[in-house]
């Protein structure tokens, strides 16, 4: 009997080992950006071992008898962790909001600028296309800001095989965000219409979303509490958001200090900067991702000159999602990347708006940091690469993302080095940050599964969706009017007159 049991155990062990060999894959590349001794390192002509959903290790020589896929003149890099995206609405303002802004509100478009309503189908198409754009630029994990269509965004990301952290939208107003909390009846002053009762209903709805989706799709989808902005919630709502997040064990994400009108309004209402408001309501900390956080005290455009905000951010070890594009587009920027990092703030990268190309966003972040700091040495390509990988993972409390080492999730991208923008490549990090585009990425893997092949998202008909979105946009633009009856072409003038 003992012999039979031993024989059965031996057969089981052999079977398990054979199954493990069947799931084990080896990839060879000219460069692999691996993780060792708390830093990214460059392994030349090495091998990456993937066992199912996780990285098994990396090596300079292939194990005896193992088969591998030789990628040739390519680099394997860790998947990017994107800390700020808006998939269901990102294209709604594309191709008309640029070059616009109300001079009475520091050229902001947050008040009094109407946006076309593309409906649920528009939200569905935008979500799919934007997630395609993100994954094609190497973003294997994205923090989706969420709002009216948080559930849709969670479902779509899950079905596409992606990893996402989705914010459950919270604001002192209607769930669909059809009515703004901020109003300007005269075009030069701001009033706030806080419906706190409605806001607390949003918090309870967020709690339901956590229960429905946190851990869904094989634990690739997670939910965070997502107050939309510092000035779309009351202090009581912010405190309750913190209490609920702690009780549910989830993180928080919120827009803060993204607009000068927001800073001014917060000080007028509460006698505090937006950062101070968040600190006083318990909304800063290691589990909080602050979207933008540009206009803090000490910024050259803010009338408070001390570093009180930066000190609070550093003391609480808060995380900032840096998205340079929407700020560069209106003539301003974070001041500065190195200053935040030096203060102890964990700065990650987000794409926020259009185009949602993480590789381009990294380059803009590097260029603008050097411009603000008046030196090439304070912020380097490696700092930006870290922001897009390990800093983003840290913000989400994940030590198994943003790096390629044993035990990490098998989230990685393959960069084709046989392209004009990537040739020649001596320093792969500099090549990616300063020369690459999302078109340099040929394949993307999430948990060991290929979701982008030959630069195209698997199973998605991009052209058909783009054509449908264009038709929806053209129909919505015809109906768009301001509160005083101005048509779209008056409010958002064309670059050149139509014939």
Protein backbone atom coordinates (compact mmCIF):
# COMPACT_ATOMS: atom_id res chain seq x y z
CA UNK A 1 0.00 0.00 0.00
CA UNK A 2 2.85 2.35 0.91
CA UNK A 3 4.51 1.62 -2.46
CA UNK A 4 1.30 2.42 -4.33
CA UNK A 5 0.91 5.75 -2.47
CA UNK A 6 4.57 6.62 -3.14
CA UNK A 7 4.18 5.75 -6.82
CA UNK A 8 1.04 7.90 -7.08
CA UNK A 9 2.80 10.82 -5.35
CA UNK A 10 5.77 10.47 -7.71
CA UNK A 11 3.49 10.50 -10.77
CA UNK A 12 1.70 13.58 -9.41
CA UNK A 13 5.00 15.42 -8.90
CA UNK A 14 6.12 14.50 -12.42
CA UNK A 15 2.77 15.70 -13.83
CA UNK A 16 2.99 18.99 -11.92
CA UNK A 17 6.53 19.53 -13.16
CA UNK A 18 5.46 18.83 -16.75
CA UNK A 19 2.55 21.30 -16.40
CA UNK A 20 4.95 23.90 -14.99
CA UNK A 21 7.28 23.38 -17.96
CA UNK A 22 4.32 23.87 -20.30
CA UNK A 23 3.48 27.23 -18.68
CA UNK A 24 7.09 28.40 -18.49
CA UNK A 25 8.16 30.71 -21.32
CA UNK A 26 11.56 32.23 -22.02
CA UNK A 27 12.12 35.42 -24.00
CA UNK A 28 15.51 36.51 -25.26
CA UNK A 29 16.19 40.17 -26.09
CA UNK A 30 19.11 42.47 -26.74
CA UNK A 31 18.18 44.45 -23.62
CA UNK A 32 16.01 43.57 -20.63
CA UNK A 33 15.27 46.18 -17.97
CA UNK A 34 15.39 43.98 -14.86
CA UNK A 35 15.04 44.80 -11.16
CA UNK A 36 17.92 44.10 -8.77
CA UNK A 37 19.07 45.66 -5.48
CA UNK A 38 16.18 48.15 -5.42
CA UNK A 39 16.91 49.57 -8.86
CA UNK A 40 16.27 48.94 -12.52
CA UNK A 41 19.29 47.38 -14.23
CA UNK A 42 20.08 46.59 -17.86
CA UNK A 43 20.68 42.95 -18.78
CA UNK A 44 22.21 42.59 -22.25
CA UNK A 45 21.48 39.55 -24.42
CA UNK A 46 19.68 37.87 -21.57
CA UNK A 47 16.56 35.81 -20.96
CA UNK A 48 13.32 36.60 -19.14
CA UNK A 49 11.49 33.62 -17.64
CA UNK A 50 7.70 33.82 -17.35
CA UNK A 51 5.77 31.19 -15.42
CA UNK A 52 2.05 31.69 -16.02
CA UNK A 53 1.05 35.09 -14.62
CA UNK A 54 4.35 35.91 -12.95
CA UNK A 55 8.01 36.48 -13.68
CA UNK A 56 10.05 33.45 -12.69
CA UNK A 57 13.39 35.20 -13.06
CA UNK A 58 15.99 36.44 -15.52
CA UNK A 59 19.33 34.99 -16.52
CA UNK A 60 22.31 35.41 -18.82
CA UNK A 61 22.17 31.82 -20.08
CA UNK A 62 19.20 29.69 -21.05
CA UNK A 63 18.61 26.69 -18.77
CA UNK A 64 19.62 23.42 -20.38
CA UNK A 65 16.88 21.99 -22.57
CA UNK A 66 14.65 25.06 -22.32
CA UNK A 67 13.10 26.56 -25.44
CA UNK A 68 12.87 30.33 -25.90
CA UNK A 69 11.50 32.95 -28.25
CA UNK A 70 14.35 35.05 -29.58
CA UNK A 71 13.01 38.59 -30.02
CA UNK A 72 16.18 39.73 -31.77
CA UNK A 73 16.90 43.45 -31.81
CA UNK A 74 14.38 44.31 -29.10
CA UNK A 75 14.12 45.44 -25.51
CA UNK A 76 11.85 44.07 -22.80
CA UNK A 77 10.70 46.72 -20.34
CA UNK A 78 8.35 46.59 -17.33
CA UNK A 79 4.74 47.59 -17.91
CA UNK A 80 4.01 51.23 -17.17
CA UNK A 81 1.72 52.12 -14.26
CA UNK A 82 -0.51 55.02 -15.33
CA UNK A 83 -1.87 56.94 -12.32
CA UNK A 84 -4.46 59.13 -14.04
CA UNK A 85 -6.80 58.45 -16.98
CA UNK A 86 -10.36 59.37 -18.06
CA UNK A 87 -11.35 56.70 -20.63
CA UNK A 88 -15.12 57.27 -20.85
CA UNK A 89 -14.82 61.03 -21.48
CA UNK A 90 -11.29 61.67 -22.74
CA UNK A 91 -12.24 62.39 -26.37
CA UNK A 92 -15.36 64.45 -25.59
CA UNK A 93 -13.37 67.71 -25.60
CA UNK A 94 -10.90 66.78 -28.33
CA UNK A 95 -10.36 69.09 -31.32
CA UNK A 96 -12.11 72.18 -29.97
CA UNK A 97 -11.18 72.98 -26.36
CA UNK A 98 -7.56 73.61 -27.35
CA UNK A 99 -6.49 77.29 -27.59
CA UNK A 100 -9.50 78.34 -25.46
CA UNK A 101 -10.07 79.60 -21.93
CA UNK A 102 -11.83 82.30 -19.93
CA UNK A 103 -9.33 85.11 -19.12
CA UNK A 104 -11.46 86.06 -16.10
CA UNK A 105 -10.66 82.65 -14.58
CA UNK A 106 -6.96 82.50 -15.43
CA UNK A 107 -7.85 81.04 -18.86
CA UNK A 108 -9.61 78.08 -17.26
CA UNK A 109 -12.27 76.00 -19.04
CA UNK A 110 -13.71 74.46 -15.87
CA UNK A 111 -16.54 76.98 -15.68
CA UNK A 112 -19.02 78.01 -18.36
CA UNK A 113 -17.49 75.96 -21.18
CA UNK A 114 -20.09 73.50 -22.51
CA UNK A 115 -19.05 69.99 -23.51
CA UNK A 116 -20.99 67.89 -26.03
CA UNK A 117 -23.01 64.97 -24.70
CA UNK A 118 -22.08 61.76 -26.54
CA UNK A 119 -24.36 59.52 -24.48
CA UNK A 120 -23.79 56.02 -23.18
CA UNK A 121 -22.69 54.67 -26.56
CA UNK A 122 -20.16 57.47 -26.78
CA UNK A 123 -18.87 56.52 -23.33
CA UNK A 124 -18.58 52.87 -24.40
CA UNK A 125 -16.59 53.69 -27.54
CA UNK A 126 -14.35 56.22 -25.81
CA UNK A 127 -13.58 53.76 -23.01
CA UNK A 128 -12.56 51.02 -25.42
CA UNK A 129 -10.51 53.28 -27.70
CA UNK A 130 -8.75 55.03 -24.86
CA UNK A 131 -7.85 51.76 -23.15
CA UNK A 132 -6.49 50.59 -26.51
CA UNK A 133 -4.42 53.76 -26.76
CA UNK A 134 -3.12 53.27 -23.23
CA UNK A 135 -2.18 49.63 -23.60
CA UNK A 136 -0.49 50.29 -26.95
CA UNK A 137 1.77 52.78 -25.19
CA UNK A 138 2.79 50.13 -22.65
CA UNK A 139 0.39 50.94 -19.78
CA UNK A 140 -0.36 47.52 -18.28
CA UNK A 141 -1.96 49.10 -15.19
CA UNK A 142 -4.10 52.24 -15.29
CA UNK A 143 -5.83 54.24 -12.59
CA UNK A 144 -9.13 55.18 -14.23
CA UNK A 145 -10.54 58.26 -12.60
CA UNK A 146 -14.13 57.14 -12.89
CA UNK A 147 -17.40 59.01 -12.57
CA UNK A 148 -20.78 58.41 -14.21
CA UNK A 149 -19.47 55.33 -16.03
CA UNK A 150 -17.14 53.76 -13.44
CA UNK A 151 -18.87 50.39 -13.73
CA UNK A 152 -18.59 50.45 -17.51
CA UNK A 153 -14.90 51.31 -17.31
CA UNK A 154 -14.27 48.49 -14.84
CA UNK A 155 -16.14 46.00 -17.03
CA UNK A 156 -14.40 47.07 -20.23
CA UNK A 157 -10.90 46.95 -18.74
CA UNK A 158 -11.63 43.56 -17.22
CA UNK A 159 -12.96 42.10 -20.46
CA UNK A 160 -9.96 43.43 -22.39
CA UNK A 161 -7.59 41.59 -20.04
CA UNK A 162 -6.12 44.76 -18.55
CA UNK A 163 -5.35 45.72 -14.96
CA UNK A 164 -7.17 48.79 -13.68
CA UNK A 165 -7.85 50.70 -10.49
CA UNK A 166 -11.17 52.49 -11.01
CA UNK A 167 -12.30 55.51 -9.02
CA UNK A 168 -15.88 55.53 -7.79
CA UNK A 169 -17.02 59.07 -8.55
CA UNK A 170 -18.13 61.22 -5.61
CA UNK A 171 -19.40 64.79 -5.87
CA UNK A 172 -21.99 67.04 -4.23
CA UNK A 173 -24.34 66.71 -7.18
CA UNK A 174 -26.03 64.37 -9.62
CA UNK A 175 -24.51 60.99 -10.39
CA UNK A 176 -24.25 61.57 -14.14
CA UNK A 177 -22.43 64.90 -13.63
CA UNK A 178 -24.82 66.63 -16.05
CA UNK A 179 -24.94 69.72 -13.80
CA UNK A 180 -21.74 71.40 -12.66
CA UNK A 181 -21.13 72.17 -9.00
CA UNK A 182 -19.28 75.30 -10.18
CA UNK A 183 -21.30 78.09 -11.81
CA UNK A 184 -20.53 81.48 -13.28
CA UNK A 185 -23.73 83.36 -14.11
CA UNK A 186 -21.84 86.49 -15.17
CA UNK A 187 -18.66 84.99 -16.65
CA UNK A 188 -16.37 86.59 -14.09
CA UNK A 189 -17.40 85.26 -10.65
CA UNK A 190 -17.83 81.72 -9.34
CA UNK A 191 -20.58 80.31 -7.16
CA UNK A 192 -20.75 76.79 -5.72
CA UNK A 193 -23.90 74.68 -5.68
CA UNK A 194 -23.11 71.94 -3.13
CA UNK A 195 -25.87 69.36 -2.70
CA UNK A 196 -24.43 67.56 0.31
CA UNK A 197 -27.33 65.10 0.59
CA UNK A 198 -26.71 64.01 -2.98
CA UNK A 199 -22.99 63.84 -2.21
CA UNK A 200 -23.50 61.36 0.62
CA UNK A 201 -25.63 59.25 -1.74
CA UNK A 202 -22.64 59.19 -4.09
CA UNK A 203 -20.46 57.86 -1.24
CA UNK A 204 -22.90 55.03 -0.59
CA UNK A 205 -22.96 54.25 -4.33
CA UNK A 206 -19.17 54.16 -4.29
CA UNK A 207 -19.32 51.63 -1.48
CA UNK A 208 -21.57 49.41 -3.61
CA UNK A 209 -19.13 49.68 -6.53
CA UNK A 210 -16.32 48.50 -4.24
CA UNK A 211 -18.35 45.47 -3.19
CA UNK A 212 -19.34 44.67 -6.79
CA UNK A 213 -16.00 45.07 -8.55
CA UNK A 214 -13.02 45.19 -6.18
CA UNK A 215 -11.06 42.04 -6.96
CA UNK A 216 -13.12 41.22 -10.06
CA UNK A 217 -11.74 39.68 -13.24
CA UNK A 218 -9.26 37.43 -11.48
CA UNK A 219 -8.18 40.26 -9.18
CA UNK A 220 -7.12 42.56 -12.03
CA UNK A 221 -9.81 45.16 -11.27
CA UNK A 222 -9.78 47.24 -8.09
CA UNK A 223 -11.91 50.14 -6.90
CA UNK A 224 -10.83 53.36 -5.18
CA UNK A 225 -12.88 56.12 -3.63
CA UNK A 226 -12.85 58.96 -6.18
CA UNK A 227 -14.02 62.42 -5.08
CA UNK A 228 -13.97 64.32 -8.35
CA UNK A 229 -12.27 67.51 -7.10
CA UNK A 230 -11.35 69.32 -3.93
CA UNK A 231 -14.07 71.87 -4.72
CA UNK A 232 -16.89 69.56 -5.79
CA UNK A 233 -17.23 68.03 -2.32
CA UNK A 234 -17.93 69.53 1.09
CA UNK A 235 -15.50 69.02 4.00
CA UNK A 236 -18.01 66.65 5.62
CA UNK A 237 -18.08 64.57 2.43
CA UNK A 238 -14.30 64.41 2.31
CA UNK A 239 -14.14 63.21 5.92
CA UNK A 240 -16.78 60.55 5.24
CA UNK A 241 -14.89 59.46 2.12
CA UNK A 242 -11.80 58.88 4.26
CA UNK A 243 -13.79 56.94 6.86
CA UNK A 244 -15.39 54.78 4.19
CA UNK A 245 -12.09 54.08 2.43
CA UNK A 246 -10.50 53.01 5.72
CA UNK A 247 -13.43 50.76 6.57
CA UNK A 248 -13.38 49.10 3.13
CA UNK A 249 -9.59 48.95 2.90
CA UNK A 250 -9.35 50.78 -0.43
CA UNK A 251 -7.35 53.75 -1.64
CA UNK A 252 -8.45 57.25 -2.62
CA UNK A 253 -7.86 59.41 -5.69
CA UNK A 254 -8.89 63.05 -6.13
CA UNK A 255 -8.20 66.03 -8.40
CA UNK A 256 -6.57 68.80 -6.40
CA UNK A 257 -4.79 72.10 -7.12
CA UNK A 258 -5.38 71.68 -10.85
CA UNK A 259 -6.77 75.15 -11.47
CA UNK A 260 -6.01 78.64 -10.19
CA UNK A 261 -9.73 79.42 -9.85
CA UNK A 262 -10.00 76.36 -7.61
CA UNK A 263 -7.20 77.64 -5.36
CA UNK A 264 -8.73 81.10 -5.10
CA UNK A 265 -12.21 79.73 -4.45
CA UNK A 266 -11.01 77.33 -1.75
CA UNK A 267 -9.22 80.12 0.11
CA UNK A 268 -12.28 82.39 -0.15
CA UNK A 269 -14.61 79.67 1.20
CA UNK A 270 -12.44 77.95 3.79
CA UNK A 271 -9.39 80.13 4.39
CA UNK A 272 -7.19 77.22 3.25
CA UNK A 273 -5.43 76.06 0.14
CA UNK A 274 -6.89 72.93 -1.51
CA UNK A 275 -3.95 70.91 -0.14
CA UNK A 276 -4.59 72.22 3.37
CA UNK A 277 -8.29 71.37 2.99
CA UNK A 278 -7.42 67.79 2.10
CA UNK A 279 -4.97 67.55 4.99
CA UNK A 280 -7.55 68.80 7.50
CA UNK A 281 -10.15 66.30 6.25
CA UNK A 282 -7.77 63.31 6.32
CA UNK A 283 -7.44 63.11 2.56
CA UNK A 284 -3.64 63.03 2.34
CA UNK A 285 -1.50 59.95 2.86
CA UNK A 286 0.34 57.01 1.31
CA UNK A 287 -2.93 55.49 0.02
CA UNK A 288 -4.02 58.68 -1.77
CA UNK A 289 -3.25 59.53 -5.41
CA UNK A 290 -3.56 63.28 -6.01
CA UNK A 291 -4.25 64.11 -9.63
CA UNK A 292 -2.08 67.02 -10.83
CA UNK A 293 -1.42 69.01 -7.62
CA UNK A 294 0.19 71.76 -9.71
CA UNK A 295 -0.99 75.03 -8.17
CA UNK A 296 0.32 74.67 -4.64
CA UNK A 297 1.73 77.40 -2.42
CA UNK A 298 5.09 78.52 -3.76
CA UNK A 299 4.07 78.07 -7.40
CA UNK A 300 4.96 81.20 -9.39
CA UNK A 301 1.28 81.79 -10.31
CA UNK A 302 -0.08 81.28 -6.78
CA UNK A 303 -0.20 84.30 -4.48
CA UNK A 304 0.97 82.31 -1.40
CA UNK A 305 4.75 82.15 -1.60
CA UNK A 306 5.73 79.69 1.15
CA UNK A 307 6.11 75.89 0.91
CA UNK A 308 3.33 74.95 3.32
CA UNK A 309 1.57 72.72 0.77
CA UNK A 310 4.71 70.91 -0.35
CA UNK A 311 5.67 70.27 3.29
CA UNK A 312 2.25 68.72 3.95
CA UNK A 313 2.50 66.53 0.87
CA UNK A 314 5.96 65.31 1.83
CA UNK A 315 5.16 64.81 5.51
CA UNK A 316 2.15 62.64 4.67
CA UNK A 317 4.07 60.75 1.93
CA UNK A 318 1.26 61.46 -0.50
CA UNK A 319 1.36 60.44 -4.17
CA UNK A 320 1.02 62.85 -7.09
CA UNK A 321 -0.06 61.81 -10.59
CA UNK A 322 1.90 64.11 -12.89
CA UNK A 323 0.28 64.72 -16.29
CA UNK A 324 2.15 67.50 -18.12
CA UNK A 325 0.11 67.64 -21.35
CA UNK A 326 -3.07 69.45 -20.17
CA UNK A 327 -0.98 72.07 -18.38
CA UNK A 328 1.60 72.64 -21.07
CA UNK A 329 -1.31 73.08 -23.46
CA UNK A 330 -2.51 76.13 -21.50
CA UNK A 331 0.92 77.57 -20.83
CA UNK A 332 1.79 76.35 -17.34
CA UNK A 333 3.35 73.37 -15.59
CA UNK A 334 4.28 71.62 -12.37
CA UNK A 335 7.06 73.51 -10.54
CA UNK A 336 9.03 71.30 -10.35
CA UNK A 337 9.40 67.51 -10.61
CA UNK A 338 12.65 67.40 -8.62
CA UNK A 339 11.33 69.75 -5.94
CA UNK A 340 8.39 67.45 -5.21
CA UNK A 341 10.63 64.38 -5.11
CA UNK A 342 13.15 66.10 -2.86
CA UNK A 343 10.34 66.96 -0.43
CA UNK A 344 9.40 63.27 -0.09
CA UNK A 345 6.42 63.26 -2.45
CA UNK A 346 6.06 60.10 -4.53
CA UNK A 347 5.56 61.39 -8.09
CA UNK A 348 4.12 59.02 -10.68
CA UNK A 349 2.96 59.56 -14.25
CA UNK A 350 -0.54 59.87 -15.71
CA UNK A 351 -1.77 60.60 -19.21
CA UNK A 352 -5.09 62.29 -18.20
CA UNK A 353 -6.06 63.73 -21.57
CA UNK A 354 -5.37 63.22 -25.25
CA UNK A 355 -3.23 61.86 -26.74
CA UNK A 356 -2.99 59.11 -24.12
CA UNK A 357 0.55 58.08 -25.00
CA UNK A 358 2.64 57.31 -21.91
CA UNK A 359 5.89 57.39 -23.89
CA UNK A 360 5.14 60.91 -25.14
CA UNK A 361 4.01 61.97 -21.67
CA UNK A 362 7.32 60.82 -20.20
CA UNK A 363 9.26 62.89 -22.71
CA UNK A 364 7.17 66.00 -22.03
CA UNK A 365 7.67 65.50 -18.29
CA UNK A 366 11.44 65.33 -18.75
CA UNK A 367 11.60 68.35 -21.06
CA UNK A 368 9.37 70.53 -18.90
CA UNK A 369 11.23 69.57 -15.73
CA UNK A 370 14.53 70.63 -17.29
CA UNK A 371 12.97 73.85 -18.53
CA UNK A 372 11.52 74.70 -15.11
CA UNK A 373 14.67 73.75 -13.23
CA UNK A 374 17.01 75.51 -15.69
CA UNK A 375 19.37 72.55 -15.69
CA UNK A 376 19.62 69.15 -17.34
CA UNK A 377 20.87 67.41 -14.20
CA UNK A 378 18.05 67.71 -11.61
CA UNK A 379 15.58 65.50 -13.51
CA UNK A 380 16.92 62.81 -15.81
CA UNK A 381 15.42 60.14 -18.03
CA UNK A 382 15.86 57.51 -15.32
CA UNK A 383 13.79 59.62 -12.88
CA UNK A 384 10.92 59.82 -15.35
CA UNK A 385 11.17 56.09 -16.15
CA UNK A 386 11.00 55.35 -12.42
CA UNK A 387 7.96 57.61 -12.13
CA UNK A 388 6.18 55.61 -14.84
CA UNK A 389 7.04 52.25 -13.28
CA UNK A 390 8.04 51.78 -9.64
CA UNK A 391 6.64 55.10 -8.37
CA UNK A 392 3.26 54.30 -9.88
CA UNK A 393 3.35 50.83 -8.34
CA UNK A 394 4.25 52.29 -4.95
CA UNK A 395 1.29 54.68 -5.14
CA UNK A 396 -1.02 51.68 -5.53
CA UNK A 397 0.70 49.72 -2.77
CA UNK A 398 2.04 47.14 -5.23
CA UNK A 399 5.57 45.77 -4.98
CA UNK A 400 4.83 43.28 -7.76
CA UNK A 401 4.24 45.85 -10.53
CA UNK A 402 6.51 48.19 -12.47
CA UNK A 403 9.54 45.88 -12.29
CA UNK A 404 10.82 42.65 -13.81
CA UNK A 405 12.05 40.26 -11.12
CA UNK A 406 11.14 36.94 -9.59
CA UNK A 407 7.61 36.99 -8.22
CA UNK A 408 6.50 40.16 -10.00
CA UNK A 409 3.46 40.07 -12.25
CA UNK A 410 4.33 39.23 -15.86
CA UNK A 411 3.41 42.70 -17.11
CA UNK A 412 5.89 43.86 -19.73
CA UNK A 413 6.30 45.42 -23.16
CA UNK A 414 8.56 44.60 -26.07
CA UNK A 415 10.17 47.57 -27.77
CA UNK A 416 11.24 47.17 -31.39
CA UNK A 417 14.73 48.67 -31.73
CA UNK A 418 14.75 48.34 -35.53
CA UNK A 419 12.87 51.59 -36.04
CA UNK A 420 14.09 55.04 -36.99
CA UNK A 421 13.22 56.62 -33.63
CA UNK A 422 14.92 53.83 -31.65
CA UNK A 423 18.09 53.57 -33.77
CA UNK A 424 20.81 53.63 -32.57
CA UNK A 425 20.15 52.59 -28.97
CA UNK A 426 23.09 52.69 -26.59
CA UNK A 427 21.11 53.61 -23.45
CA UNK A 428 17.68 52.03 -23.78
CA UNK A 429 16.13 54.24 -21.08
CA UNK A 430 17.28 57.45 -22.77
CA UNK A 431 16.13 56.12 -26.14
CA UNK A 432 12.63 55.41 -24.84
CA UNK A 433 12.19 58.63 -22.87
CA UNK A 434 13.77 61.04 -25.34
CA UNK A 435 13.11 59.43 -28.74
CA UNK A 436 10.45 56.73 -28.49
CA UNK A 437 6.73 56.79 -29.25
CA UNK A 438 3.97 54.31 -28.57
CA UNK A 439 4.60 53.04 -32.10
CA UNK A 440 7.98 51.77 -30.88
CA UNK A 441 6.13 49.16 -28.77
CA UNK A 442 5.35 46.01 -30.72
CA UNK A 443 3.90 43.77 -28.03
CA UNK A 444 2.40 44.14 -24.56
CA UNK A 445 1.76 41.41 -21.98
CA UNK A 446 -0.49 41.53 -18.91
CA UNK A 447 -0.08 38.63 -16.49
CA UNK A 448 1.80 36.72 -19.18
CA UNK A 449 -0.98 37.11 -21.77
CA UNK A 450 -0.30 39.02 -24.97
CA UNK A 451 -2.81 41.88 -25.31
CA UNK A 452 -0.98 43.84 -28.04
CA UNK A 453 0.56 42.04 -31.02
CA UNK A 454 2.42 43.79 -33.86
CA UNK A 455 1.38 47.15 -32.41
CA UNK A 456 -2.34 46.35 -32.50
CA UNK A 457 -4.67 45.59 -29.58
CA UNK A 458 -5.88 42.03 -29.83
CA UNK A 459 -9.51 41.59 -30.85
CA UNK A 460 -10.39 45.30 -31.25
CA UNK A 461 -11.55 46.86 -34.52
CA UNK A 462 -10.15 50.36 -33.97
CA UNK A 463 -11.17 51.78 -37.35
CA UNK A 464 -14.83 50.85 -36.98
CA UNK A 465 -15.01 52.35 -33.49
CA UNK A 466 -13.27 55.55 -34.62
CA UNK A 467 -15.75 56.00 -37.45
CA UNK A 468 -18.71 55.53 -35.10
CA UNK A 469 -17.26 58.00 -32.57
CA UNK A 470 -16.73 60.59 -35.32
CA UNK A 471 -20.40 60.29 -36.32
CA UNK A 472 -21.55 60.67 -32.71
CA UNK A 473 -19.33 63.72 -32.28
CA UNK A 474 -20.56 65.46 -35.41
CA UNK A 475 -24.18 64.99 -34.33
CA UNK A 476 -23.48 66.29 -30.82
CA UNK A 477 -21.58 69.36 -32.08
CA UNK A 478 -24.65 70.54 -34.00
CA UNK A 479 -26.66 70.68 -30.77
CA UNK A 480 -24.03 72.29 -28.54
CA UNK A 481 -24.92 75.77 -27.26
CA UNK A 482 -23.82 77.96 -24.36
CA UNK A 483 -26.20 79.22 -21.67
CA UNK A 484 -26.54 82.50 -23.56
CA UNK A 485 -27.27 80.80 -26.89
CA UNK A 486 -23.85 80.95 -28.57
CA UNK A 487 -23.19 78.19 -31.07
CA UNK A 488 -20.15 75.96 -30.95
CA UNK A 489 -18.16 77.77 -33.66
CA UNK A 490 -18.58 81.07 -31.80
CA UNK A 491 -17.50 79.69 -28.45
CA UNK A 492 -14.77 77.42 -29.82
CA UNK A 493 -13.50 79.26 -32.92
CA UNK A 494 -11.96 77.24 -35.73
CA UNK A 495 -8.25 77.65 -36.47
CA UNK A 496 -9.15 78.80 -40.00
CA UNK A 497 -12.49 79.93 -41.39
CA UNK A 498 -14.58 77.43 -43.31
CA UNK A 499 -15.35 78.11 -46.97
